PDB file of all heavy atoms in Angstrom:
ATOM      1  N   ARG A   1       0.837  -1.207   0.000  1.00  0.00           N
ATOM      2  CA  ARG A   1       0.000   0.000   0.000  1.00  0.00           C
ATOM      3  C   ARG A   1       0.869   1.253   0.000  1.00  0.00           C
ATOM      4  O   ARG A   1       0.526   2.259  -0.631  1.00  0.00           O
ATOM      5  CB  ARG A   1      -0.928   0.009   1.221  1.00  0.00           C
ATOM      6  CG  ARG A   1      -2.079  -0.987   1.127  1.00  0.00           C
ATOM      7  CD  ARG A   1      -3.138  -0.695   2.173  1.00  0.00           C
ATOM      8  NE  ARG A   1      -2.633  -0.850   3.528  1.00  0.00           N
ATOM      9  CZ  ARG A   1      -2.671  -1.981   4.226  1.00  0.00           C
ATOM     10  NH1 ARG A   1      -3.189  -3.078   3.677  1.00  0.00           N
ATOM     11  NH2 ARG A   1      -2.203  -2.033   5.457  1.00  0.00           N
ATOM     12  N   ALA A   2       2.001   1.199   0.689  1.00  0.00           N
ATOM     13  CA  ALA A   2       2.891   2.364   0.763  1.00  0.00           C
ATOM     14  C   ALA A   2       3.592   2.625  -0.565  1.00  0.00           C
ATOM     15  O   ALA A   2       3.944   3.771  -0.884  1.00  0.00           O
ATOM     16  CB  ALA A   2       3.928   2.163   1.866  1.00  0.00           C
ATOM     17  N   ASN A   3       3.801   1.552  -1.355  1.00  0.00           N
ATOM     18  CA  ASN A   3       4.521   1.709  -2.621  1.00  0.00           C
ATOM     19  C   ASN A   3       4.101   0.597  -3.568  1.00  0.00           C
ATOM     20  O   ASN A   3       4.663  -0.497  -3.559  1.00  0.00           O
ATOM     21  CB  ASN A   3       6.033   1.664  -2.372  1.00  0.00           C
ATOM     22  CG  ASN A   3       6.846   1.931  -3.624  1.00  0.00           C
ATOM     23  OD1 ASN A   3       6.334   1.896  -4.740  1.00  0.00           O
ATOM     24  ND2 ASN A   3       8.136   2.189  -3.443  1.00  0.00           N
ATOM     25  N   GLU A   4       3.103   0.878  -4.387  1.00  0.00           N
ATOM     26  CA  GLU A   4       2.561  -0.145  -5.276  1.00  0.00           C
ATOM     27  C   GLU A   4       3.483  -0.431  -6.458  1.00  0.00           C
ATOM     28  O   GLU A   4       3.297  -1.428  -7.162  1.00  0.00           O
ATOM     29  CB  GLU A   4       1.178   0.280  -5.781  1.00  0.00           C
ATOM     30  CG  GLU A   4       0.134   0.356  -4.676  1.00  0.00           C
ATOM     31  CD  GLU A   4      -1.257   0.660  -5.205  1.00  0.00           C
ATOM     32  OE1 GLU A   4      -1.387   0.849  -6.437  1.00  0.00           O
ATOM     33  OE2 GLU A   4      -2.197   0.711  -4.392  1.00  0.00           O
ATOM     34  N   GLU A   5       4.481   0.407  -6.687  1.00  0.00           N
ATOM     35  CA  GLU A   5       5.392   0.209  -7.809  1.00  0.00           C
ATOM     36  C   GLU A   5       6.597  -0.650  -7.446  1.00  0.00           C
ATOM     37  O   GLU A   5       7.272  -1.183  -8.324  1.00  0.00           O
ATOM     38  CB  GLU A   5       5.873   1.570  -8.335  1.00  0.00           C
ATOM     39  CG  GLU A   5       4.760   2.491  -8.792  1.00  0.00           C
ATOM     40  CD  GLU A   5       3.938   1.888  -9.910  1.00  0.00           C
ATOM     41  OE1 GLU A   5       4.549   1.270 -10.825  1.00  0.00           O
ATOM     42  OE2 GLU A   5       2.699   2.002  -9.869  1.00  0.00           O
ATOM     43  N   ALA A   6       6.882  -0.759  -6.172  1.00  0.00           N
ATOM     44  CA  ALA A   6       8.093  -1.461  -5.746  1.00  0.00           C
ATOM     45  C   ALA A   6       7.964  -2.971  -5.925  1.00  0.00           C
ATOM     46  O   ALA A   6       6.885  -3.539  -5.787  1.00  0.00           O
ATOM     47  CB  ALA A   6       8.396  -1.149  -4.283  1.00  0.00           C
ATOM     48  N   GLN A   7       9.087  -3.592  -6.241  1.00  0.00           N
ATOM     49  CA  GLN A   7       9.155  -5.048  -6.220  1.00  0.00           C
ATOM     50  C   GLN A   7       9.371  -5.488  -4.767  1.00  0.00           C
ATOM     51  O   GLN A   7      10.291  -5.002  -4.109  1.00  0.00           O
ATOM     52  CB  GLN A   7      10.316  -5.553  -7.079  1.00  0.00           C
ATOM     53  CG  GLN A   7      10.195  -5.226  -8.553  1.00  0.00           C
ATOM     54  CD  GLN A   7      11.286  -5.908  -9.345  1.00  0.00           C
ATOM     55  OE1 GLN A   7      11.583  -7.084  -9.137  1.00  0.00           O
ATOM     56  NE2 GLN A   7      11.887  -5.182 -10.274  1.00  0.00           N
ATOM     57  N   ILE A   8       8.548  -6.383  -4.293  1.00  0.00           N
ATOM     58  CA  ILE A   8       8.693  -6.896  -2.934  1.00  0.00           C
ATOM     59  C   ILE A   8       9.309  -8.290  -3.008  1.00  0.00           C
ATOM     60  O   ILE A   8       8.785  -9.184  -3.675  1.00  0.00           O
ATOM     61  CB  ILE A   8       7.343  -6.935  -2.200  1.00  0.00           C
ATOM     62  CG1 ILE A   8       6.774  -5.516  -2.059  1.00  0.00           C
ATOM     63  CG2 ILE A   8       7.507  -7.579  -0.828  1.00  0.00           C
ATOM     64  CD1 ILE A   8       5.417  -5.455  -1.382  1.00  0.00           C
ATOM     65  N   VAL A   9      10.426  -8.456  -2.326  1.00  0.00           N
ATOM     66  CA  VAL A   9      11.142  -9.726  -2.280  1.00  0.00           C
ATOM     67  C   VAL A   9      10.996 -10.287  -0.872  1.00  0.00           C
ATOM     68  O   VAL A   9      11.398  -9.645   0.106  1.00  0.00           O
ATOM     69  CB  VAL A   9      12.634  -9.535  -2.610  1.00  0.00           C
ATOM     70  CG1 VAL A   9      13.351 -10.879  -2.601  1.00  0.00           C
ATOM     71  CG2 VAL A   9      12.795  -8.831  -3.943  1.00  0.00           C
ATOM     72  N   VAL A  10      10.413 -11.459  -0.754  1.00  0.00           N
ATOM     73  CA  VAL A  10      10.231 -12.090   0.559  1.00  0.00           C
ATOM     74  C   VAL A  10      11.232 -13.226   0.693  1.00  0.00           C
ATOM     75  O   VAL A  10      11.318 -14.108  -0.166  1.00  0.00           O
ATOM     76  CB  VAL A  10       8.799 -12.630   0.747  1.00  0.00           C
ATOM     77  CG1 VAL A  10       8.644 -13.223   2.139  1.00  0.00           C
ATOM     78  CG2 VAL A  10       7.780 -11.518   0.526  1.00  0.00           C
ATOM     79  N   THR A  11      12.001 -13.197   1.762  1.00  0.00           N
ATOM     80  CA  THR A  11      12.954 -14.253   2.054  1.00  0.00           C
ATOM     81  C   THR A  11      12.780 -14.694   3.501  1.00  0.00           C
ATOM     82  O   THR A  11      11.846 -14.282   4.180  1.00  0.00           O
ATOM     83  CB  THR A  11      14.399 -13.769   1.778  1.00  0.00           C
ATOM     84  OG1 THR A  11      15.291 -14.889   1.877  1.00  0.00           O
ATOM     85  CG2 THR A  11      14.817 -12.695   2.764  1.00  0.00           C
ATOM     86  N   GLY A  12      13.638 -15.571   3.977  1.00  0.00           N
ATOM     87  CA  GLY A  12      13.568 -16.004   5.361  1.00  0.00           C
ATOM     88  C   GLY A  12      12.781 -17.276   5.574  1.00  0.00           C
ATOM     89  O   GLY A  12      12.450 -18.008   4.631  1.00  0.00           O
ATOM     90  N   CYS A  13      12.464 -17.534   6.823  1.00  0.00           N
ATOM     91  CA  CYS A  13      11.889 -18.820   7.209  1.00  0.00           C
ATOM     92  C   CYS A  13      10.492 -19.060   6.635  1.00  0.00           C
ATOM     93  O   CYS A  13      10.175 -20.167   6.199  1.00  0.00           O
ATOM     94  CB  CYS A  13      11.864 -18.935   8.731  1.00  0.00           C
ATOM     95  SG  CYS A  13      13.524 -19.119   9.455  1.00  0.00           S
ATOM     96  N   ALA A  14       9.644 -18.032   6.636  1.00  0.00           N
ATOM     97  CA  ALA A  14       8.312 -18.214   6.065  1.00  0.00           C
ATOM     98  C   ALA A  14       8.402 -18.474   4.566  1.00  0.00           C
ATOM     99  O   ALA A  14       7.637 -19.271   4.012  1.00  0.00           O
ATOM    100  CB  ALA A  14       7.442 -16.993   6.342  1.00  0.00           C
ATOM    101  N   ALA A  15       9.355 -17.844   3.901  1.00  0.00           N
ATOM    102  CA  ALA A  15       9.535 -18.074   2.473  1.00  0.00           C
ATOM    103  C   ALA A  15       9.979 -19.505   2.186  1.00  0.00           C
ATOM    104  O   ALA A  15       9.720 -20.033   1.109  1.00  0.00           O
ATOM    105  CB  ALA A  15      10.565 -17.082   1.921  1.00  0.00           C
ATOM    106  N   GLN A  16      10.632 -20.125   3.152  1.00  0.00           N
ATOM    107  CA  GLN A  16      11.112 -21.493   2.965  1.00  0.00           C
ATOM    108  C   GLN A  16       9.963 -22.500   2.945  1.00  0.00           C
ATOM    109  O   GLN A  16       9.990 -23.460   2.178  1.00  0.00           O
ATOM    110  CB  GLN A  16      12.090 -21.855   4.096  1.00  0.00           C
ATOM    111  CG  GLN A  16      12.714 -23.232   3.993  1.00  0.00           C
ATOM    112  CD  GLN A  16      13.767 -23.313   2.903  1.00  0.00           C
ATOM    113  OE1 GLN A  16      14.418 -22.324   2.584  1.00  0.00           O
ATOM    114  NE2 GLN A  16      13.936 -24.493   2.328  1.00  0.00           N
ATOM    115  N   VAL A  17       8.955 -22.285   3.804  1.00  0.00           N
ATOM    116  CA  VAL A  17       7.928 -23.313   3.986  1.00  0.00           C
ATOM    117  C   VAL A  17       6.563 -22.954   3.411  1.00  0.00           C
ATOM    118  O   VAL A  17       5.686 -23.818   3.324  1.00  0.00           O
ATOM    119  CB  VAL A  17       7.773 -23.664   5.485  1.00  0.00           C
ATOM    120  CG1 VAL A  17       9.029 -24.338   6.009  1.00  0.00           C
ATOM    121  CG2 VAL A  17       7.457 -22.422   6.318  1.00  0.00           C
ATOM    122  N   MET A  18       6.359 -21.707   3.026  1.00  0.00           N
ATOM    123  CA  MET A  18       5.049 -21.321   2.495  1.00  0.00           C
ATOM    124  C   MET A  18       5.198 -20.299   1.370  1.00  0.00           C
ATOM    125  O   MET A  18       4.466 -19.317   1.292  1.00  0.00           O
ATOM    126  CB  MET A  18       4.161 -20.772   3.614  1.00  0.00           C
ATOM    127  CG  MET A  18       4.805 -19.698   4.477  1.00  0.00           C
ATOM    128  SD  MET A  18       3.804 -19.237   5.904  1.00  0.00           S
ATOM    129  CE  MET A  18       2.290 -18.742   5.126  1.00  0.00           C
ATOM    130  N   GLY A  19       6.165 -20.577   0.501  1.00  0.00           N
ATOM    131  CA  GLY A  19       6.469 -19.647  -0.572  1.00  0.00           C
ATOM    132  C   GLY A  19       5.308 -19.392  -1.518  1.00  0.00           C
ATOM    133  O   GLY A  19       5.071 -18.254  -1.935  1.00  0.00           O
ATOM    134  N   ASP A  20       4.564 -20.442  -1.857  1.00  0.00           N
ATOM    135  CA  ASP A  20       3.450 -20.273  -2.802  1.00  0.00           C
ATOM    136  C   ASP A  20       2.396 -19.325  -2.246  1.00  0.00           C
ATOM    137  O   ASP A  20       1.857 -18.478  -2.974  1.00  0.00           O
ATOM    138  CB  ASP A  20       2.814 -21.630  -3.130  1.00  0.00           C
ATOM    139  CG  ASP A  20       3.722 -22.500  -3.982  1.00  0.00           C
ATOM    140  OD1 ASP A  20       4.680 -21.957  -4.571  1.00  0.00           O
ATOM    141  OD2 ASP A  20       3.492 -23.722  -4.040  1.00  0.00           O
ATOM    142  N   GLU A  21       2.080 -19.466  -0.970  1.00  0.00           N
ATOM    143  CA  GLU A  21       1.082 -18.585  -0.358  1.00  0.00           C
ATOM    144  C   GLU A  21       1.571 -17.139  -0.334  1.00  0.00           C
ATOM    145  O   GLU A  21       0.817 -16.210  -0.643  1.00  0.00           O
ATOM    146  CB  GLU A  21       0.779 -19.048   1.068  1.00  0.00           C
ATOM    147  CG  GLU A  21      -0.207 -18.154   1.791  1.00  0.00           C
ATOM    148  CD  GLU A  21      -0.462 -18.574   3.234  1.00  0.00           C
ATOM    149  OE1 GLU A  21      -0.172 -19.740   3.572  1.00  0.00           O
ATOM    150  OE2 GLU A  21      -0.933 -17.724   4.010  1.00  0.00           O
ATOM    151  N   LEU A  22       2.838 -16.939   0.004  1.00  0.00           N
ATOM    152  CA  LEU A  22       3.373 -15.578   0.077  1.00  0.00           C
ATOM    153  C   LEU A  22       3.503 -14.954  -1.310  1.00  0.00           C
ATOM    154  O   LEU A  22       3.342 -13.745  -1.472  1.00  0.00           O
ATOM    155  CB  LEU A  22       4.726 -15.583   0.789  1.00  0.00           C
ATOM    156  CG  LEU A  22       4.699 -16.021   2.263  1.00  0.00           C
ATOM    157  CD1 LEU A  22       6.109 -16.060   2.831  1.00  0.00           C
ATOM    158  CD2 LEU A  22       3.824 -15.097   3.095  1.00  0.00           C
ATOM    159  N   LYS A  23       3.788 -15.777  -2.310  1.00  0.00           N
ATOM    160  CA  LYS A  23       3.930 -15.265  -3.685  1.00  0.00           C
ATOM    161  C   LYS A  23       2.617 -14.657  -4.185  1.00  0.00           C
ATOM    162  O   LYS A  23       2.602 -13.770  -5.047  1.00  0.00           O
ATOM    163  CB  LYS A  23       4.356 -16.407  -4.612  1.00  0.00           C
ATOM    164  CG  LYS A  23       4.595 -15.992  -6.062  1.00  0.00           C
ATOM    165  CD  LYS A  23       5.763 -15.034  -6.207  1.00  0.00           C
ATOM    166  CE  LYS A  23       5.994 -14.616  -7.657  1.00  0.00           C
ATOM    167  NZ  LYS A  23       6.442 -15.734  -8.500  1.00  0.00           N
ATOM    168  N   ALA A  24       1.495 -15.126  -3.619  1.00  0.00           N
ATOM    169  CA  ALA A  24       0.186 -14.634  -4.048  1.00  0.00           C
ATOM    170  C   ALA A  24      -0.174 -13.290  -3.424  1.00  0.00           C
ATOM    171  O   ALA A  24      -1.169 -12.671  -3.813  1.00  0.00           O
ATOM    172  CB  ALA A  24      -0.892 -15.662  -3.710  1.00  0.00           C
ATOM    173  N   LEU A  25       0.625 -12.816  -2.466  1.00  0.00           N
ATOM    174  CA  LEU A  25       0.322 -11.541  -1.822  1.00  0.00           C
ATOM    175  C   LEU A  25       0.596 -10.388  -2.785  1.00  0.00           C
ATOM    176  O   LEU A  25       1.469 -10.477  -3.657  1.00  0.00           O
ATOM    177  CB  LEU A  25       1.161 -11.378  -0.557  1.00  0.00           C
ATOM    178  CG  LEU A  25       0.830 -12.323   0.601  1.00  0.00           C
ATOM    179  CD1 LEU A  25       1.822 -12.135   1.737  1.00  0.00           C
ATOM    180  CD2 LEU A  25      -0.598 -12.082   1.101  1.00  0.00           C
ATOM    181  N   PRO A  26      -0.140  -9.289  -2.646  1.00  0.00           N
ATOM    182  CA  PRO A  26       0.021  -8.157  -3.571  1.00  0.00           C
ATOM    183  C   PRO A  26       1.429  -7.573  -3.508  1.00  0.00           C
ATOM    184  O   PRO A  26       1.976  -7.348  -2.433  1.00  0.00           O
ATOM    185  CB  PRO A  26      -1.025  -7.145  -3.081  1.00  0.00           C
ATOM    186  CG  PRO A  26      -1.311  -7.526  -1.663  1.00  0.00           C
ATOM    187  CD  PRO A  26      -1.164  -9.013  -1.613  1.00  0.00           C
ATOM    188  N   GLY A  27       1.996  -7.348  -4.682  1.00  0.00           N
ATOM    189  CA  GLY A  27       3.294  -6.702  -4.777  1.00  0.00           C
ATOM    190  C   GLY A  27       4.490  -7.632  -4.719  1.00  0.00           C
ATOM    191  O   GLY A  27       5.610  -7.213  -5.032  1.00  0.00           O
ATOM    192  N   VAL A  28       4.279  -8.887  -4.325  1.00  0.00           N
ATOM    193  CA  VAL A  28       5.401  -9.815  -4.194  1.00  0.00           C
ATOM    194  C   VAL A  28       5.819 -10.300  -5.577  1.00  0.00           C
ATOM    195  O   VAL A  28       5.030 -10.890  -6.314  1.00  0.00           O
ATOM    196  CB  VAL A  28       5.034 -11.005  -3.298  1.00  0.00           C
ATOM    197  CG1 VAL A  28       6.169 -12.038  -3.287  1.00  0.00           C
ATOM    198  CG2 VAL A  28       4.745 -10.528  -1.874  1.00  0.00           C
ATOM    199  N   THR A  29       7.064 -10.036  -5.926  1.00  0.00           N
ATOM    200  CA  THR A  29       7.574 -10.439  -7.236  1.00  0.00           C
ATOM    201  C   THR A  29       8.580 -11.576  -7.155  1.00  0.00           C
ATOM    202  O   THR A  29       8.886 -12.208  -8.162  1.00  0.00           O
ATOM    203  CB  THR A  29       8.252  -9.252  -7.944  1.00  0.00           C
ATOM    204  OG1 THR A  29       9.342  -8.784  -7.133  1.00  0.00           O
ATOM    205  CG2 THR A  29       7.265  -8.117  -8.167  1.00  0.00           C
ATOM    206  N   ARG A  30       9.104 -11.830  -5.954  1.00  0.00           N
ATOM    207  CA  ARG A  30      10.103 -12.877  -5.830  1.00  0.00           C
ATOM    208  C   ARG A  30      10.048 -13.483  -4.433  1.00  0.00           C
ATOM    209  O   ARG A  30       9.952 -12.775  -3.439  1.00  0.00           O
ATOM    210  CB  ARG A  30      11.508 -12.297  -6.075  1.00  0.00           C
ATOM    211  CG  ARG A  30      12.597 -13.330  -6.306  1.00  0.00           C
ATOM    212  CD  ARG A  30      12.382 -14.051  -7.630  1.00  0.00           C
ATOM    213  NE  ARG A  30      13.425 -15.029  -7.877  1.00  0.00           N
ATOM    214  CZ  ARG A  30      14.423 -14.858  -8.751  1.00  0.00           C
ATOM    215  NH1 ARG A  30      14.510 -13.730  -9.434  1.00  0.00           N
ATOM    216  NH2 ARG A  30      15.321 -15.800  -8.945  1.00  0.00           N
ATOM    217  N   ILE A  31      10.109 -14.808  -4.379  1.00  0.00           N
ATOM    218  CA  ILE A  31      10.254 -15.542  -3.131  1.00  0.00           C
ATOM    219  C   ILE A  31      11.642 -16.168  -3.136  1.00  0.00           C
ATOM    220  O   ILE A  31      11.994 -16.913  -4.056  1.00  0.00           O
ATOM    221  CB  ILE A  31       9.183 -16.648  -2.988  1.00  0.00           C
ATOM    222  CG1 ILE A  31       7.784 -16.038  -2.950  1.00  0.00           C
ATOM    223  CG2 ILE A  31       9.449 -17.490  -1.745  1.00  0.00           C
ATOM    224  CD1 ILE A  31       7.492 -15.207  -1.716  1.00  0.00           C
ATOM    225  N   VAL A  32      12.432 -15.855  -2.130  1.00  0.00           N
ATOM    226  CA  VAL A  32      13.768 -16.432  -2.006  1.00  0.00           C
ATOM    227  C   VAL A  32      13.802 -17.220  -0.706  1.00  0.00           C
ATOM    228  O   VAL A  32      13.821 -16.637   0.386  1.00  0.00           O
ATOM    229  CB  VAL A  32      14.856 -15.337  -1.996  1.00  0.00           C
ATOM    230  CG1 VAL A  32      16.240 -15.967  -1.848  1.00  0.00           C
ATOM    231  CG2 VAL A  32      14.782 -14.504  -3.273  1.00  0.00           C
ATOM    232  N   PRO A  33      13.772 -18.557  -0.767  1.00  0.00           N
ATOM    233  CA  PRO A  33      13.743 -19.371   0.447  1.00  0.00           C
ATOM    234  C   PRO A  33      14.942 -19.094   1.349  1.00  0.00           C
ATOM    235  O   PRO A  33      15.989 -18.607   0.884  1.00  0.00           O
ATOM    236  CB  PRO A  33      13.764 -20.808  -0.091  1.00  0.00           C
ATOM    237  CG  PRO A  33      13.269 -20.708  -1.490  1.00  0.00           C
ATOM    238  CD  PRO A  33      13.744 -19.373  -1.991  1.00  0.00           C
ATOM    239  N   GLN A  34      14.808 -19.447   2.601  1.00  0.00           N
ATOM    240  CA  GLN A  34      15.889 -19.240   3.556  1.00  0.00           C
ATOM    241  C   GLN A  34      17.189 -19.891   3.087  1.00  0.00           C
ATOM    242  O   GLN A  34      18.268 -19.309   3.212  1.00  0.00           O
ATOM    243  CB  GLN A  34      15.482 -19.796   4.933  1.00  0.00           C
ATOM    244  CG  GLN A  34      16.578 -19.754   5.988  1.00  0.00           C
ATOM    245  CD  GLN A  34      17.031 -18.350   6.308  1.00  0.00           C
ATOM    246  OE1 GLN A  34      16.229 -17.414   6.314  1.00  0.00           O
ATOM    247  NE2 GLN A  34      18.317 -18.185   6.572  1.00  0.00           N
ATOM    248  N   ASP A  35      17.095 -21.083   2.530  1.00  0.00           N
ATOM    249  CA  ASP A  35      18.317 -21.780   2.147  1.00  0.00           C
ATOM    250  C   ASP A  35      18.987 -21.188   0.903  1.00  0.00           C
ATOM    251  O   ASP A  35      20.076 -21.616   0.508  1.00  0.00           O
ATOM    252  CB  ASP A  35      18.079 -23.284   1.957  1.00  0.00           C
ATOM    253  CG  ASP A  35      17.095 -23.620   0.846  1.00  0.00           C
ATOM    254  OD1 ASP A  35      16.759 -22.721   0.043  1.00  0.00           O
ATOM    255  OD2 ASP A  35      16.652 -24.779   0.770  1.00  0.00           O
ATOM    256  N   ALA A  36      18.348 -20.189   0.292  1.00  0.00           N
ATOM    257  CA  ALA A  36      18.947 -19.486  -0.838  1.00  0.00           C
ATOM    258  C   ALA A  36      19.147 -18.004  -0.537  1.00  0.00           C
ATOM    259  O   ALA A  36      19.426 -17.212  -1.445  1.00  0.00           O
ATOM    260  CB  ALA A  36      18.088 -19.648  -2.088  1.00  0.00           C
ATOM    261  N   LYS A  37      19.035 -17.618   0.715  1.00  0.00           N
ATOM    262  CA  LYS A  37      19.087 -16.197   1.075  1.00  0.00           C
ATOM    263  C   LYS A  37      20.398 -15.541   0.657  1.00  0.00           C
ATOM    264  O   LYS A  37      20.421 -14.370   0.252  1.00  0.00           O
ATOM    265  CB  LYS A  37      18.876 -16.027   2.579  1.00  0.00           C
ATOM    266  CG  LYS A  37      18.724 -14.579   3.028  1.00  0.00           C
ATOM    267  CD  LYS A  37      18.585 -14.459   4.535  1.00  0.00           C
ATOM    268  CE  LYS A  37      17.197 -14.806   5.020  1.00  0.00           C
ATOM    269  NZ  LYS A  37      17.053 -14.614   6.481  1.00  0.00           N
ATOM    270  N   THR A  38      21.511 -16.257   0.711  1.00  0.00           N
ATOM    271  CA  THR A  38      22.783 -15.638   0.342  1.00  0.00           C
ATOM    272  C   THR A  38      22.821 -15.225  -1.128  1.00  0.00           C
ATOM    273  O   THR A  38      23.587 -14.342  -1.504  1.00  0.00           O
ATOM    274  CB  THR A  38      23.964 -16.584   0.623  1.00  0.00           C
ATOM    275  OG1 THR A  38      23.749 -17.827  -0.060  1.00  0.00           O
ATOM    276  CG2 THR A  38      24.113 -16.844   2.117  1.00  0.00           C
ATOM    277  N   SER A  39      21.973 -15.841  -1.968  1.00  0.00           N
ATOM    278  CA  SER A  39      21.944 -15.469  -3.384  1.00  0.00           C
ATOM    279  C   SER A  39      21.464 -14.043  -3.588  1.00  0.00           C
ATOM    280  O   SER A  39      21.703 -13.436  -4.637  1.00  0.00           O
ATOM    281  CB  SER A  39      21.058 -16.435  -4.173  1.00  0.00           C
ATOM    282  OG  SER A  39      19.691 -16.258  -3.851  1.00  0.00           O
ATOM    283  N   LEU A  40      20.789 -13.483  -2.574  1.00  0.00           N
ATOM    284  CA  LEU A  40      20.313 -12.106  -2.686  1.00  0.00           C
ATOM    285  C   LEU A  40      21.457 -11.098  -2.761  1.00  0.00           C
ATOM    286  O   LEU A  40      21.241  -9.945  -3.149  1.00  0.00           O
ATOM    287  CB  LEU A  40      19.396 -11.771  -1.509  1.00  0.00           C
ATOM    288  CG  LEU A  40      17.960 -12.293  -1.621  1.00  0.00           C
ATOM    289  CD1 LEU A  40      17.257 -12.219  -0.278  1.00  0.00           C
ATOM    290  CD2 LEU A  40      17.197 -11.499  -2.672  1.00  0.00           C
ATOM    291  N   LYS A  41      22.642 -11.510  -2.411  1.00  0.00           N
ATOM    292  CA  LYS A  41      23.786 -10.598  -2.502  1.00  0.00           C
ATOM    293  C   LYS A  41      24.020 -10.148  -3.936  1.00  0.00           C
ATOM    294  O   LYS A  41      24.592  -9.090  -4.171  1.00  0.00           O
ATOM    295  CB  LYS A  41      25.042 -11.265  -1.925  1.00  0.00           C
ATOM    296  CG  LYS A  41      24.962 -11.505  -0.425  1.00  0.00           C
ATOM    297  CD  LYS A  41      26.284 -11.921   0.178  1.00  0.00           C
ATOM    298  CE  LYS A  41      26.728 -13.281  -0.268  1.00  0.00           C
ATOM    299  NZ  LYS A  41      27.977 -13.717   0.424  1.00  0.00           N
ATOM    300  N   THR A  42      23.556 -10.958  -4.906  1.00  0.00           N
ATOM    301  CA  THR A  42      23.752 -10.616  -6.324  1.00  0.00           C
ATOM    302  C   THR A  42      22.509  -9.987  -6.949  1.00  0.00           C
ATOM    303  O   THR A  42      22.445  -9.836  -8.163  1.00  0.00           O
ATOM    304  CB  THR A  42      24.135 -11.872  -7.128  1.00  0.00           C
ATOM    305  OG1 THR A  42      23.052 -12.807  -7.086  1.00  0.00           O
ATOM    306  CG2 THR A  42      25.386 -12.515  -6.573  1.00  0.00           C
ATOM    307  N   TRP A  43      21.516  -9.631  -6.136  1.00  0.00           N
ATOM    308  CA  TRP A  43      20.284  -9.033  -6.651  1.00  0.00           C
ATOM    309  C   TRP A  43      20.621  -7.888  -7.618  1.00  0.00           C
ATOM    310  O   TRP A  43      21.547  -7.122  -7.360  1.00  0.00           O
ATOM    311  CB  TRP A  43      19.439  -8.514  -5.473  1.00  0.00           C
ATOM    312  CG  TRP A  43      18.232  -7.750  -5.903  1.00  0.00           C
ATOM    313  CD1 TRP A  43      18.119  -6.396  -6.036  1.00  0.00           C
ATOM    314  CD2 TRP A  43      16.970  -8.297  -6.279  1.00  0.00           C
ATOM    315  NE1 TRP A  43      16.869  -6.058  -6.474  1.00  0.00           N
ATOM    316  CE2 TRP A  43      16.143  -7.209  -6.631  1.00  0.00           C
ATOM    317  CE3 TRP A  43      16.455  -9.583  -6.362  1.00  0.00           C
ATOM    318  CZ2 TRP A  43      14.838  -7.381  -7.055  1.00  0.00           C
ATOM    319  CZ3 TRP A  43      15.156  -9.747  -6.775  1.00  0.00           C
ATOM    320  CH2 TRP A  43      14.356  -8.654  -7.112  1.00  0.00           C
ATOM    321  N   PRO A  44      19.892  -7.754  -8.750  1.00  0.00           N
ATOM    322  CA  PRO A  44      18.696  -8.509  -9.150  1.00  0.00           C
ATOM    323  C   PRO A  44      18.991  -9.770  -9.959  1.00  0.00           C
ATOM    324  O   PRO A  44      18.072 -10.457 -10.361  1.00  0.00           O
ATOM    325  CB  PRO A  44      17.934  -7.497 -10.010  1.00  0.00           C
ATOM    326  CG  PRO A  44      19.025  -6.710 -10.663  1.00  0.00           C
ATOM    327  CD  PRO A  44      20.128  -6.602  -9.633  1.00  0.00           C
ATOM    328  N   GLU A  45      20.270 -10.047 -10.217  1.00  0.00           N
ATOM    329  CA  GLU A  45      20.592 -11.263 -10.960  1.00  0.00           C
ATOM    330  C   GLU A  45      20.608 -12.444  -9.991  1.00  0.00           C
ATOM    331  O   GLU A  45      21.578 -12.641  -9.248  1.00  0.00           O
ATOM    332  CB  GLU A  45      21.955 -11.149 -11.663  1.00  0.00           C
ATOM    333  CG  GLU A  45      21.970 -10.164 -12.812  1.00  0.00           C
ATOM    334  CD  GLU A  45      22.109  -8.732 -12.354  1.00  0.00           C
ATOM    335  OE1 GLU A  45      22.568  -8.529 -11.210  1.00  0.00           O
ATOM    336  OE2 GLU A  45      21.753  -7.820 -13.113  1.00  0.00           O
ATOM    337  N   LEU A  46      19.542 -13.217  -9.978  1.00  0.00           N
ATOM    338  CA  LEU A  46      19.449 -14.388  -9.111  1.00  0.00           C
ATOM    339  C   LEU A  46      19.283 -15.631  -9.969  1.00  0.00           C
ATOM    340  O   LEU A  46      18.487 -15.646 -10.899  1.00  0.00           O
ATOM    341  CB  LEU A  46      18.255 -14.281  -8.163  1.00  0.00           C
ATOM    342  CG  LEU A  46      18.242 -13.118  -7.171  1.00  0.00           C
ATOM    343  CD1 LEU A  46      17.004 -13.210  -6.303  1.00  0.00           C
ATOM    344  CD2 LEU A  46      19.488 -13.127  -6.313  1.00  0.00           C
TER     345      LEU A  46
END
């Protein structure tokens, strides 16, 4: 709601076990599971 243009990237523990549900939330463009969190260091090339 604060920024409808921004890409929202969800990572962490919830992203590991319920990524599909979180991907359906408004504004979410990428789910990065906890076990791949270090790959975010190269954002946006993942």
